[in-house]
Amino acid sequence: KIASAPILAIAMSFAVLAGGLTVS
């Protein structure tokens, strides 16, 4: 399952699945 989460307020971003964050 993919769950949404942390969003960084900076230029880089990332993705965390299963209980974390989702960001392009």
PDBML (XML) file of the C-alpha atoms, coordinates in Angstrom:
<?xml version="1.0" encoding="UTF-8" ?>
<PDBx:datablock datablockName="MODEL"
   xmlns:PDBx="http://pdbml.pdb.org/schema/pdbx-v50.xsd"
   xmlns:xsi="http://www.w3.org/2001/XMLSchema-instance"
   xsi:schemaLocation="http://pdbml.pdb.org/schema/pdbx-v50.xsd pdbx-v50.xsd">
   <PDBx:atom_siteCategory>
      <PDBx:atom_site id="1">
         <PDBx:B_iso_or_equiv>0.00</PDBx:B_iso_or_equiv>
         <PDBx:Cartn_x>0.000</PDBx:Cartn_x>
         <PDBx:Cartn_y>0.000</PDBx:Cartn_y>
         <PDBx:Cartn_z>0.000</PDBx:Cartn_z>
         <PDBx:auth_asym_id>A</PDBx:auth_asym_id>
         <PDBx:auth_atom_id>CA</PDBx:auth_atom_id>
         <PDBx:auth_comp_id>LYS</PDBx:auth_comp_id>
         <PDBx:auth_seq_id>1</PDBx:auth_seq_id>
         <PDBx:group_PDB>ATOM</PDBx:group_PDB>
         <PDBx:label_alt_id xsi:nil="true" />
         <PDBx:label_asym_id>A</PDBx:label_asym_id>
         <PDBx:label_atom_id>CA</PDBx:label_atom_id>
         <PDBx:label_comp_id>LYS</PDBx:label_comp_id>
         <PDBx:label_entity_id>1</PDBx:label_entity_id>
         <PDBx:label_seq_id>1</PDBx:label_seq_id>
         <PDBx:occupancy>1.00</PDBx:occupancy>
         <PDBx:pdbx_PDB_model_num>1</PDBx:pdbx_PDB_model_num>
         <PDBx:type_symbol>C</PDBx:type_symbol>
      </PDBx:atom_site>
      <PDBx:atom_site id="2">
         <PDBx:B_iso_or_equiv>0.00</PDBx:B_iso_or_equiv>
         <PDBx:Cartn_x>1.242</PDBx:Cartn_x>
         <PDBx:Cartn_y>3.466</PDBx:Cartn_y>
         <PDBx:Cartn_z>-0.776</PDBx:Cartn_z>
         <PDBx:auth_asym_id>A</PDBx:auth_asym_id>
         <PDBx:auth_atom_id>CA</PDBx:auth_atom_id>
         <PDBx:auth_comp_id>ILE</PDBx:auth_comp_id>
         <PDBx:auth_seq_id>2</PDBx:auth_seq_id>
         <PDBx:group_PDB>ATOM</PDBx:group_PDB>
         <PDBx:label_alt_id xsi:nil="true" />
         <PDBx:label_asym_id>A</PDBx:label_asym_id>
         <PDBx:label_atom_id>CA</PDBx:label_atom_id>
         <PDBx:label_comp_id>ILE</PDBx:label_comp_id>
         <PDBx:label_entity_id>1</PDBx:label_entity_id>
         <PDBx:label_seq_id>2</PDBx:label_seq_id>
         <PDBx:occupancy>1.00</PDBx:occupancy>
         <PDBx:pdbx_PDB_model_num>1</PDBx:pdbx_PDB_model_num>
         <PDBx:type_symbol>C</PDBx:type_symbol>
      </PDBx:atom_site>
      <PDBx:atom_site id="3">
         <PDBx:B_iso_or_equiv>0.00</PDBx:B_iso_or_equiv>
         <PDBx:Cartn_x>0.567</PDBx:Cartn_x>
         <PDBx:Cartn_y>6.136</PDBx:Cartn_y>
         <PDBx:Cartn_z>1.801</PDBx:Cartn_z>
         <PDBx:auth_asym_id>A</PDBx:auth_asym_id>
         <PDBx:auth_atom_id>CA</PDBx:auth_atom_id>
         <PDBx:auth_comp_id>ALA</PDBx:auth_comp_id>
         <PDBx:auth_seq_id>3</PDBx:auth_seq_id>
         <PDBx:group_PDB>ATOM</PDBx:group_PDB>
         <PDBx:label_alt_id xsi:nil="true" />
         <PDBx:label_asym_id>A</PDBx:label_asym_id>
         <PDBx:label_atom_id>CA</PDBx:label_atom_id>
         <PDBx:label_comp_id>ALA</PDBx:label_comp_id>
         <PDBx:label_entity_id>1</PDBx:label_entity_id>
         <PDBx:label_seq_id>3</PDBx:label_seq_id>
         <PDBx:occupancy>1.00</PDBx:occupancy>
         <PDBx:pdbx_PDB_model_num>1</PDBx:pdbx_PDB_model_num>
         <PDBx:type_symbol>C</PDBx:type_symbol>
      </PDBx:atom_site>
      <PDBx:atom_site id="4">
         <PDBx:B_iso_or_equiv>0.00</PDBx:B_iso_or_equiv>
         <PDBx:Cartn_x>1.162</PDBx:Cartn_x>
         <PDBx:Cartn_y>9.838</PDBx:Cartn_y>
         <PDBx:Cartn_z>1.546</PDBx:Cartn_z>
         <PDBx:auth_asym_id>A</PDBx:auth_asym_id>
         <PDBx:auth_atom_id>CA</PDBx:auth_atom_id>
         <PDBx:auth_comp_id>SER</PDBx:auth_comp_id>
         <PDBx:auth_seq_id>4</PDBx:auth_seq_id>
         <PDBx:group_PDB>ATOM</PDBx:group_PDB>
         <PDBx:label_alt_id xsi:nil="true" />
         <PDBx:label_asym_id>A</PDBx:label_asym_id>
         <PDBx:label_atom_id>CA</PDBx:label_atom_id>
         <PDBx:label_comp_id>SER</PDBx:label_comp_id>
         <PDBx:label_entity_id>1</PDBx:label_entity_id>
         <PDBx:label_seq_id>4</PDBx:label_seq_id>
         <PDBx:occupancy>1.00</PDBx:occupancy>
         <PDBx:pdbx_PDB_model_num>1</PDBx:pdbx_PDB_model_num>
         <PDBx:type_symbol>C</PDBx:type_symbol>
      </PDBx:atom_site>
      <PDBx:atom_site id="5">
         <PDBx:B_iso_or_equiv>0.00</PDBx:B_iso_or_equiv>
         <PDBx:Cartn_x>3.367</PDBx:Cartn_x>
         <PDBx:Cartn_y>11.813</PDBx:Cartn_y>
         <PDBx:Cartn_z>3.914</PDBx:Cartn_z>
         <PDBx:auth_asym_id>A</PDBx:auth_asym_id>
         <PDBx:auth_atom_id>CA</PDBx:auth_atom_id>
         <PDBx:auth_comp_id>ALA</PDBx:auth_comp_id>
         <PDBx:auth_seq_id>5</PDBx:auth_seq_id>
         <PDBx:group_PDB>ATOM</PDBx:group_PDB>
         <PDBx:label_alt_id xsi:nil="true" />
         <PDBx:label_asym_id>A</PDBx:label_asym_id>
         <PDBx:label_atom_id>CA</PDBx:label_atom_id>
         <PDBx:label_comp_id>ALA</PDBx:label_comp_id>
         <PDBx:label_entity_id>1</PDBx:label_entity_id>
         <PDBx:label_seq_id>5</PDBx:label_seq_id>
         <PDBx:occupancy>1.00</PDBx:occupancy>
         <PDBx:pdbx_PDB_model_num>1</PDBx:pdbx_PDB_model_num>
         <PDBx:type_symbol>C</PDBx:type_symbol>
      </PDBx:atom_site>
      <PDBx:atom_site id="6">
         <PDBx:B_iso_or_equiv>0.00</PDBx:B_iso_or_equiv>
         <PDBx:Cartn_x>6.274</PDBx:Cartn_x>
         <PDBx:Cartn_y>14.235</PDBx:Cartn_y>
         <PDBx:Cartn_z>4.503</PDBx:Cartn_z>
         <PDBx:auth_asym_id>A</PDBx:auth_asym_id>
         <PDBx:auth_atom_id>CA</PDBx:auth_atom_id>
         <PDBx:auth_comp_id>PRO</PDBx:auth_comp_id>
         <PDBx:auth_seq_id>6</PDBx:auth_seq_id>
         <PDBx:group_PDB>ATOM</PDBx:group_PDB>
         <PDBx:label_alt_id xsi:nil="true" />
         <PDBx:label_asym_id>A</PDBx:label_asym_id>
         <PDBx:label_atom_id>CA</PDBx:label_atom_id>
         <PDBx:label_comp_id>PRO</PDBx:label_comp_id>
         <PDBx:label_entity_id>1</PDBx:label_entity_id>
         <PDBx:label_seq_id>6</PDBx:label_seq_id>
         <PDBx:occupancy>1.00</PDBx:occupancy>
         <PDBx:pdbx_PDB_model_num>1</PDBx:pdbx_PDB_model_num>
         <PDBx:type_symbol>C</PDBx:type_symbol>
      </PDBx:atom_site>
      <PDBx:atom_site id="7">
         <PDBx:B_iso_or_equiv>0.00</PDBx:B_iso_or_equiv>
         <PDBx:Cartn_x>6.696</PDBx:Cartn_x>
         <PDBx:Cartn_y>17.211</PDBx:Cartn_y>
         <PDBx:Cartn_z>2.279</PDBx:Cartn_z>
         <PDBx:auth_asym_id>A</PDBx:auth_asym_id>
         <PDBx:auth_atom_id>CA</PDBx:auth_atom_id>
         <PDBx:auth_comp_id>ILE</PDBx:auth_comp_id>
         <PDBx:auth_seq_id>7</PDBx:auth_seq_id>
         <PDBx:group_PDB>ATOM</PDBx:group_PDB>
         <PDBx:label_alt_id xsi:nil="true" />
         <PDBx:label_asym_id>A</PDBx:label_asym_id>
         <PDBx:label_atom_id>CA</PDBx:label_atom_id>
         <PDBx:label_comp_id>ILE</PDBx:label_comp_id>
         <PDBx:label_entity_id>1</PDBx:label_entity_id>
         <PDBx:label_seq_id>7</PDBx:label_seq_id>
         <PDBx:occupancy>1.00</PDBx:occupancy>
         <PDBx:pdbx_PDB_model_num>1</PDBx:pdbx_PDB_model_num>
         <PDBx:type_symbol>C</PDBx:type_symbol>
      </PDBx:atom_site>
      <PDBx:atom_site id="8">
         <PDBx:B_iso_or_equiv>0.00</PDBx:B_iso_or_equiv>
         <PDBx:Cartn_x>9.960</PDBx:Cartn_x>
         <PDBx:Cartn_y>19.188</PDBx:Cartn_y>
         <PDBx:Cartn_z>2.281</PDBx:Cartn_z>
         <PDBx:auth_asym_id>A</PDBx:auth_asym_id>
         <PDBx:auth_atom_id>CA</PDBx:auth_atom_id>
         <PDBx:auth_comp_id>LEU</PDBx:auth_comp_id>
         <PDBx:auth_seq_id>8</PDBx:auth_seq_id>
         <PDBx:group_PDB>ATOM</PDBx:group_PDB>
         <PDBx:label_alt_id xsi:nil="true" />
         <PDBx:label_asym_id>A</PDBx:label_asym_id>
         <PDBx:label_atom_id>CA</PDBx:label_atom_id>
         <PDBx:label_comp_id>LEU</PDBx:label_comp_id>
         <PDBx:label_entity_id>1</PDBx:label_entity_id>
         <PDBx:label_seq_id>8</PDBx:label_seq_id>
         <PDBx:occupancy>1.00</PDBx:occupancy>
         <PDBx:pdbx_PDB_model_num>1</PDBx:pdbx_PDB_model_num>
         <PDBx:type_symbol>C</PDBx:type_symbol>
      </PDBx:atom_site>
      <PDBx:atom_site id="9">
         <PDBx:B_iso_or_equiv>0.00</PDBx:B_iso_or_equiv>
         <PDBx:Cartn_x>9.667</PDBx:Cartn_x>
         <PDBx:Cartn_y>22.949</PDBx:Cartn_y>
         <PDBx:Cartn_z>1.823</PDBx:Cartn_z>
         <PDBx:auth_asym_id>A</PDBx:auth_asym_id>
         <PDBx:auth_atom_id>CA</PDBx:auth_atom_id>
         <PDBx:auth_comp_id>ALA</PDBx:auth_comp_id>
         <PDBx:auth_seq_id>9</PDBx:auth_seq_id>
         <PDBx:group_PDB>ATOM</PDBx:group_PDB>
         <PDBx:label_alt_id xsi:nil="true" />
         <PDBx:label_asym_id>A</PDBx:label_asym_id>
         <PDBx:label_atom_id>CA</PDBx:label_atom_id>
         <PDBx:label_comp_id>ALA</PDBx:label_comp_id>
         <PDBx:label_entity_id>1</PDBx:label_entity_id>
         <PDBx:label_seq_id>9</PDBx:label_seq_id>
         <PDBx:occupancy>1.00</PDBx:occupancy>
         <PDBx:pdbx_PDB_model_num>1</PDBx:pdbx_PDB_model_num>
         <PDBx:type_symbol>C</PDBx:type_symbol>
      </PDBx:atom_site>
      <PDBx:atom_site id="10">
         <PDBx:B_iso_or_equiv>0.00</PDBx:B_iso_or_equiv>
         <PDBx:Cartn_x>12.884</PDBx:Cartn_x>
         <PDBx:Cartn_y>23.034</PDBx:Cartn_y>
         <PDBx:Cartn_z>-0.227</PDBx:Cartn_z>
         <PDBx:auth_asym_id>A</PDBx:auth_asym_id>
         <PDBx:auth_atom_id>CA</PDBx:auth_atom_id>
         <PDBx:auth_comp_id>ILE</PDBx:auth_comp_id>
         <PDBx:auth_seq_id>10</PDBx:auth_seq_id>
         <PDBx:group_PDB>ATOM</PDBx:group_PDB>
         <PDBx:label_alt_id xsi:nil="true" />
         <PDBx:label_asym_id>A</PDBx:label_asym_id>
         <PDBx:label_atom_id>CA</PDBx:label_atom_id>
         <PDBx:label_comp_id>ILE</PDBx:label_comp_id>
         <PDBx:label_entity_id>1</PDBx:label_entity_id>
         <PDBx:label_seq_id>10</PDBx:label_seq_id>
         <PDBx:occupancy>1.00</PDBx:occupancy>
         <PDBx:pdbx_PDB_model_num>1</PDBx:pdbx_PDB_model_num>
         <PDBx:type_symbol>C</PDBx:type_symbol>
      </PDBx:atom_site>
      <PDBx:atom_site id="11">
         <PDBx:B_iso_or_equiv>0.00</PDBx:B_iso_or_equiv>
         <PDBx:Cartn_x>13.964</PDBx:Cartn_x>
         <PDBx:Cartn_y>22.429</PDBx:Cartn_y>
         <PDBx:Cartn_z>-3.807</PDBx:Cartn_z>
         <PDBx:auth_asym_id>A</PDBx:auth_asym_id>
         <PDBx:auth_atom_id>CA</PDBx:auth_atom_id>
         <PDBx:auth_comp_id>ALA</PDBx:auth_comp_id>
         <PDBx:auth_seq_id>11</PDBx:auth_seq_id>
         <PDBx:group_PDB>ATOM</PDBx:group_PDB>
         <PDBx:label_alt_id xsi:nil="true" />
         <PDBx:label_asym_id>A</PDBx:label_asym_id>
         <PDBx:label_atom_id>CA</PDBx:label_atom_id>
         <PDBx:label_comp_id>ALA</PDBx:label_comp_id>
         <PDBx:label_entity_id>1</PDBx:label_entity_id>
         <PDBx:label_seq_id>11</PDBx:label_seq_id>
         <PDBx:occupancy>1.00</PDBx:occupancy>
         <PDBx:pdbx_PDB_model_num>1</PDBx:pdbx_PDB_model_num>
         <PDBx:type_symbol>C</PDBx:type_symbol>
      </PDBx:atom_site>
      <PDBx:atom_site id="12">
         <PDBx:B_iso_or_equiv>0.00</PDBx:B_iso_or_equiv>
         <PDBx:Cartn_x>14.695</PDBx:Cartn_x>
         <PDBx:Cartn_y>18.711</PDBx:Cartn_y>
         <PDBx:Cartn_z>-3.424</PDBx:Cartn_z>
         <PDBx:auth_asym_id>A</PDBx:auth_asym_id>
         <PDBx:auth_atom_id>CA</PDBx:auth_atom_id>
         <PDBx:auth_comp_id>MET</PDBx:auth_comp_id>
         <PDBx:auth_seq_id>12</PDBx:auth_seq_id>
         <PDBx:group_PDB>ATOM</PDBx:group_PDB>
         <PDBx:label_alt_id xsi:nil="true" />
         <PDBx:label_asym_id>A</PDBx:label_asym_id>
         <PDBx:label_atom_id>CA</PDBx:label_atom_id>
         <PDBx:label_comp_id>MET</PDBx:label_comp_id>
         <PDBx:label_entity_id>1</PDBx:label_entity_id>
         <PDBx:label_seq_id>12</PDBx:label_seq_id>
         <PDBx:occupancy>1.00</PDBx:occupancy>
         <PDBx:pdbx_PDB_model_num>1</PDBx:pdbx_PDB_model_num>
         <PDBx:type_symbol>C</PDBx:type_symbol>
      </PDBx:atom_site>
      <PDBx:atom_site id="13">
         <PDBx:B_iso_or_equiv>0.00</PDBx:B_iso_or_equiv>
         <PDBx:Cartn_x>11.939</PDBx:Cartn_x>
         <PDBx:Cartn_y>16.216</PDBx:Cartn_y>
         <PDBx:Cartn_z>-2.708</PDBx:Cartn_z>
         <PDBx:auth_asym_id>A</PDBx:auth_asym_id>
         <PDBx:auth_atom_id>CA</PDBx:auth_atom_id>
         <PDBx:auth_comp_id>SER</PDBx:auth_comp_id>
         <PDBx:auth_seq_id>13</PDBx:auth_seq_id>
         <PDBx:group_PDB>ATOM</PDBx:group_PDB>
         <PDBx:label_alt_id xsi:nil="true" />
         <PDBx:label_asym_id>A</PDBx:label_asym_id>
         <PDBx:label_atom_id>CA</PDBx:label_atom_id>
         <PDBx:label_comp_id>SER</PDBx:label_comp_id>
         <PDBx:label_entity_id>1</PDBx:label_entity_id>
         <PDBx:label_seq_id>13</PDBx:label_seq_id>
         <PDBx:occupancy>1.00</PDBx:occupancy>
         <PDBx:pdbx_PDB_model_num>1</PDBx:pdbx_PDB_model_num>
         <PDBx:type_symbol>C</PDBx:type_symbol>
      </PDBx:atom_site>
      <PDBx:atom_site id="14">
         <PDBx:B_iso_or_equiv>0.00</PDBx:B_iso_or_equiv>
         <PDBx:Cartn_x>11.499</PDBx:Cartn_x>
         <PDBx:Cartn_y>12.489</PDBx:Cartn_y>
         <PDBx:Cartn_z>-2.246</PDBx:Cartn_z>
         <PDBx:auth_asym_id>A</PDBx:auth_asym_id>
         <PDBx:auth_atom_id>CA</PDBx:auth_atom_id>
         <PDBx:auth_comp_id>PHE</PDBx:auth_comp_id>
         <PDBx:auth_seq_id>14</PDBx:auth_seq_id>
         <PDBx:group_PDB>ATOM</PDBx:group_PDB>
         <PDBx:label_alt_id xsi:nil="true" />
         <PDBx:label_asym_id>A</PDBx:label_asym_id>
         <PDBx:label_atom_id>CA</PDBx:label_atom_id>
         <PDBx:label_comp_id>PHE</PDBx:label_comp_id>
         <PDBx:label_entity_id>1</PDBx:label_entity_id>
         <PDBx:label_seq_id>14</PDBx:label_seq_id>
         <PDBx:occupancy>1.00</PDBx:occupancy>
         <PDBx:pdbx_PDB_model_num>1</PDBx:pdbx_PDB_model_num>
         <PDBx:type_symbol>C</PDBx:type_symbol>
      </PDBx:atom_site>
      <PDBx:atom_site id="15">
         <PDBx:B_iso_or_equiv>0.00</PDBx:B_iso_or_equiv>
         <PDBx:Cartn_x>9.002</PDBx:Cartn_x>
         <PDBx:Cartn_y>9.653</PDBx:Cartn_y>
         <PDBx:Cartn_z>-1.807</PDBx:Cartn_z>
         <PDBx:auth_asym_id>A</PDBx:auth_asym_id>
         <PDBx:auth_atom_id>CA</PDBx:auth_atom_id>
         <PDBx:auth_comp_id>ALA</PDBx:auth_comp_id>
         <PDBx:auth_seq_id>15</PDBx:auth_seq_id>
         <PDBx:group_PDB>ATOM</PDBx:group_PDB>
         <PDBx:label_alt_id xsi:nil="true" />
         <PDBx:label_asym_id>A</PDBx:label_asym_id>
         <PDBx:label_atom_id>CA</PDBx:label_atom_id>
         <PDBx:label_comp_id>ALA</PDBx:label_comp_id>
         <PDBx:label_entity_id>1</PDBx:label_entity_id>
         <PDBx:label_seq_id>15</PDBx:label_seq_id>
         <PDBx:occupancy>1.00</PDBx:occupancy>
         <PDBx:pdbx_PDB_model_num>1</PDBx:pdbx_PDB_model_num>
         <PDBx:type_symbol>C</PDBx:type_symbol>
      </PDBx:atom_site>
      <PDBx:atom_site id="16">
         <PDBx:B_iso_or_equiv>0.00</PDBx:B_iso_or_equiv>
         <PDBx:Cartn_x>8.283</PDBx:Cartn_x>
         <PDBx:Cartn_y>7.406</PDBx:Cartn_y>
         <PDBx:Cartn_z>1.148</PDBx:Cartn_z>
         <PDBx:auth_asym_id>A</PDBx:auth_asym_id>
         <PDBx:auth_atom_id>CA</PDBx:auth_atom_id>
         <PDBx:auth_comp_id>VAL</PDBx:auth_comp_id>
         <PDBx:auth_seq_id>16</PDBx:auth_seq_id>
         <PDBx:group_PDB>ATOM</PDBx:group_PDB>
         <PDBx:label_alt_id xsi:nil="true" />
         <PDBx:label_asym_id>A</PDBx:label_asym_id>
         <PDBx:label_atom_id>CA</PDBx:label_atom_id>
         <PDBx:label_comp_id>VAL</PDBx:label_comp_id>
         <PDBx:label_entity_id>1</PDBx:label_entity_id>
         <PDBx:label_seq_id>16</PDBx:label_seq_id>
         <PDBx:occupancy>1.00</PDBx:occupancy>
         <PDBx:pdbx_PDB_model_num>1</PDBx:pdbx_PDB_model_num>
         <PDBx:type_symbol>C</PDBx:type_symbol>
      </PDBx:atom_site>
      <PDBx:atom_site id="17">
         <PDBx:B_iso_or_equiv>0.00</PDBx:B_iso_or_equiv>
         <PDBx:Cartn_x>5.827</PDBx:Cartn_x>
         <PDBx:Cartn_y>4.549</PDBx:Cartn_y>
         <PDBx:Cartn_z>0.916</PDBx:Cartn_z>
         <PDBx:auth_asym_id>A</PDBx:auth_asym_id>
         <PDBx:auth_atom_id>CA</PDBx:auth_atom_id>
         <PDBx:auth_comp_id>LEU</PDBx:auth_comp_id>
         <PDBx:auth_seq_id>17</PDBx:auth_seq_id>
         <PDBx:group_PDB>ATOM</PDBx:group_PDB>
         <PDBx:label_alt_id xsi:nil="true" />
         <PDBx:label_asym_id>A</PDBx:label_asym_id>
         <PDBx:label_atom_id>CA</PDBx:label_atom_id>
         <PDBx:label_comp_id>LEU</PDBx:label_comp_id>
         <PDBx:label_entity_id>1</PDBx:label_entity_id>
         <PDBx:label_seq_id>17</PDBx:label_seq_id>
         <PDBx:occupancy>1.00</PDBx:occupancy>
         <PDBx:pdbx_PDB_model_num>1</PDBx:pdbx_PDB_model_num>
         <PDBx:type_symbol>C</PDBx:type_symbol>
      </PDBx:atom_site>
      <PDBx:atom_site id="18">
         <PDBx:B_iso_or_equiv>0.00</PDBx:B_iso_or_equiv>
         <PDBx:Cartn_x>3.930</PDBx:Cartn_x>
         <PDBx:Cartn_y>2.512</PDBx:Cartn_y>
         <PDBx:Cartn_z>3.479</PDBx:Cartn_z>
         <PDBx:auth_asym_id>A</PDBx:auth_asym_id>
         <PDBx:auth_atom_id>CA</PDBx:auth_atom_id>
         <PDBx:auth_comp_id>ALA</PDBx:auth_comp_id>
         <PDBx:auth_seq_id>18</PDBx:auth_seq_id>
         <PDBx:group_PDB>ATOM</PDBx:group_PDB>
         <PDBx:label_alt_id xsi:nil="true" />
         <PDBx:label_asym_id>A</PDBx:label_asym_id>
         <PDBx:label_atom_id>CA</PDBx:label_atom_id>
         <PDBx:label_comp_id>ALA</PDBx:label_comp_id>
         <PDBx:label_entity_id>1</PDBx:label_entity_id>
         <PDBx:label_seq_id>18</PDBx:label_seq_id>
         <PDBx:occupancy>1.00</PDBx:occupancy>
         <PDBx:pdbx_PDB_model_num>1</PDBx:pdbx_PDB_model_num>
         <PDBx:type_symbol>C</PDBx:type_symbol>
      </PDBx:atom_site>
      <PDBx:atom_site id="19">
         <PDBx:B_iso_or_equiv>0.00</PDBx:B_iso_or_equiv>
         <PDBx:Cartn_x>3.398</PDBx:Cartn_x>
         <PDBx:Cartn_y>5.032</PDBx:Cartn_y>
         <PDBx:Cartn_z>6.206</PDBx:Cartn_z>
         <PDBx:auth_asym_id>A</PDBx:auth_asym_id>
         <PDBx:auth_atom_id>CA</PDBx:auth_atom_id>
         <PDBx:auth_comp_id>GLY</PDBx:auth_comp_id>
         <PDBx:auth_seq_id>19</PDBx:auth_seq_id>
         <PDBx:group_PDB>ATOM</PDBx:group_PDB>
         <PDBx:label_alt_id xsi:nil="true" />
         <PDBx:label_asym_id>A</PDBx:label_asym_id>
         <PDBx:label_atom_id>CA</PDBx:label_atom_id>
         <PDBx:label_comp_id>GLY</PDBx:label_comp_id>
         <PDBx:label_entity_id>1</PDBx:label_entity_id>
         <PDBx:label_seq_id>19</PDBx:label_seq_id>
         <PDBx:occupancy>1.00</PDBx:occupancy>
         <PDBx:pdbx_PDB_model_num>1</PDBx:pdbx_PDB_model_num>
         <PDBx:type_symbol>C</PDBx:type_symbol>
      </PDBx:atom_site>
      <PDBx:atom_site id="20">
         <PDBx:B_iso_or_equiv>0.00</PDBx:B_iso_or_equiv>
         <PDBx:Cartn_x>5.741</PDBx:Cartn_x>
         <PDBx:Cartn_y>7.839</PDBx:Cartn_y>
         <PDBx:Cartn_z>5.231</PDBx:Cartn_z>
         <PDBx:auth_asym_id>A</PDBx:auth_asym_id>
         <PDBx:auth_atom_id>CA</PDBx:auth_atom_id>
         <PDBx:auth_comp_id>GLY</PDBx:auth_comp_id>
         <PDBx:auth_seq_id>20</PDBx:auth_seq_id>
         <PDBx:group_PDB>ATOM</PDBx:group_PDB>
         <PDBx:label_alt_id xsi:nil="true" />
         <PDBx:label_asym_id>A</PDBx:label_asym_id>
         <PDBx:label_atom_id>CA</PDBx:label_atom_id>
         <PDBx:label_comp_id>GLY</PDBx:label_comp_id>
         <PDBx:label_entity_id>1</PDBx:label_entity_id>
         <PDBx:label_seq_id>20</PDBx:label_seq_id>
         <PDBx:occupancy>1.00</PDBx:occupancy>
         <PDBx:pdbx_PDB_model_num>1</PDBx:pdbx_PDB_model_num>
         <PDBx:type_symbol>C</PDBx:type_symbol>
      </PDBx:atom_site>
      <PDBx:atom_site id="21">
         <PDBx:B_iso_or_equiv>0.00</PDBx:B_iso_or_equiv>
         <PDBx:Cartn_x>5.775</PDBx:Cartn_x>
         <PDBx:Cartn_y>10.656</PDBx:Cartn_y>
         <PDBx:Cartn_z>2.760</PDBx:Cartn_z>
         <PDBx:auth_asym_id>A</PDBx:auth_asym_id>
         <PDBx:auth_atom_id>CA</PDBx:auth_atom_id>
         <PDBx:auth_comp_id>LEU</PDBx:auth_comp_id>
         <PDBx:auth_seq_id>21</PDBx:auth_seq_id>
         <PDBx:group_PDB>ATOM</PDBx:group_PDB>
         <PDBx:label_alt_id xsi:nil="true" />
         <PDBx:label_asym_id>A</PDBx:label_asym_id>
         <PDBx:label_atom_id>CA</PDBx:label_atom_id>
         <PDBx:label_comp_id>LEU</PDBx:label_comp_id>
         <PDBx:label_entity_id>1</PDBx:label_entity_id>
         <PDBx:label_seq_id>21</PDBx:label_seq_id>
         <PDBx:occupancy>1.00</PDBx:occupancy>
         <PDBx:pdbx_PDB_model_num>1</PDBx:pdbx_PDB_model_num>
         <PDBx:type_symbol>C</PDBx:type_symbol>
      </PDBx:atom_site>
      <PDBx:atom_site id="22">
         <PDBx:B_iso_or_equiv>0.00</PDBx:B_iso_or_equiv>
         <PDBx:Cartn_x>5.157</PDBx:Cartn_x>
         <PDBx:Cartn_y>11.092</PDBx:Cartn_y>
         <PDBx:Cartn_z>-0.904</PDBx:Cartn_z>
         <PDBx:auth_asym_id>A</PDBx:auth_asym_id>
         <PDBx:auth_atom_id>CA</PDBx:auth_atom_id>
         <PDBx:auth_comp_id>THR</PDBx:auth_comp_id>
         <PDBx:auth_seq_id>22</PDBx:auth_seq_id>
         <PDBx:group_PDB>ATOM</PDBx:group_PDB>
         <PDBx:label_alt_id xsi:nil="true" />
         <PDBx:label_asym_id>A</PDBx:label_asym_id>
         <PDBx:label_atom_id>CA</PDBx:label_atom_id>
         <PDBx:label_comp_id>THR</PDBx:label_comp_id>
         <PDBx:label_entity_id>1</PDBx:label_entity_id>
         <PDBx:label_seq_id>22</PDBx:label_seq_id>
         <PDBx:occupancy>1.00</PDBx:occupancy>
         <PDBx:pdbx_PDB_model_num>1</PDBx:pdbx_PDB_model_num>
         <PDBx:type_symbol>C</PDBx:type_symbol>
      </PDBx:atom_site>
      <PDBx:atom_site id="23">
         <PDBx:B_iso_or_equiv>0.00</PDBx:B_iso_or_equiv>
         <PDBx:Cartn_x>6.767</PDBx:Cartn_x>
         <PDBx:Cartn_y>13.839</PDBx:Cartn_y>
         <PDBx:Cartn_z>-2.927</PDBx:Cartn_z>
         <PDBx:auth_asym_id>A</PDBx:auth_asym_id>
         <PDBx:auth_atom_id>CA</PDBx:auth_atom_id>
         <PDBx:auth_comp_id>VAL</PDBx:auth_comp_id>
         <PDBx:auth_seq_id>23</PDBx:auth_seq_id>
         <PDBx:group_PDB>ATOM</PDBx:group_PDB>
         <PDBx:label_alt_id xsi:nil="true" />
         <PDBx:label_asym_id>A</PDBx:label_asym_id>
         <PDBx:label_atom_id>CA</PDBx:label_atom_id>
         <PDBx:label_comp_id>VAL</PDBx:label_comp_id>
         <PDBx:label_entity_id>1</PDBx:label_entity_id>
         <PDBx:label_seq_id>23</PDBx:label_seq_id>
         <PDBx:occupancy>1.00</PDBx:occupancy>
         <PDBx:pdbx_PDB_model_num>1</PDBx:pdbx_PDB_model_num>
         <PDBx:type_symbol>C</PDBx:type_symbol>
      </PDBx:atom_site>
      <PDBx:atom_site id="24">
         <PDBx:B_iso_or_equiv>0.00</PDBx:B_iso_or_equiv>
         <PDBx:Cartn_x>8.012</PDBx:Cartn_x>
         <PDBx:Cartn_y>14.096</PDBx:Cartn_y>
         <PDBx:Cartn_z>-6.514</PDBx:Cartn_z>
         <PDBx:auth_asym_id>A</PDBx:auth_asym_id>
         <PDBx:auth_atom_id>CA</PDBx:auth_atom_id>
         <PDBx:auth_comp_id>SER</PDBx:auth_comp_id>
         <PDBx:auth_seq_id>24</PDBx:auth_seq_id>
         <PDBx:group_PDB>ATOM</PDBx:group_PDB>
         <PDBx:label_alt_id xsi:nil="true" />
         <PDBx:label_asym_id>A</PDBx:label_asym_id>
         <PDBx:label_atom_id>CA</PDBx:label_atom_id>
         <PDBx:label_comp_id>SER</PDBx:label_comp_id>
         <PDBx:label_entity_id>1</PDBx:label_entity_id>
         <PDBx:label_seq_id>24</PDBx:label_seq_id>
         <PDBx:occupancy>1.00</PDBx:occupancy>
         <PDBx:pdbx_PDB_model_num>1</PDBx:pdbx_PDB_model_num>
         <PDBx:type_symbol>C</PDBx:type_symbol>
      </PDBx:atom_site>
   </PDBx:atom_siteCategory>
</PDBx:datablock>
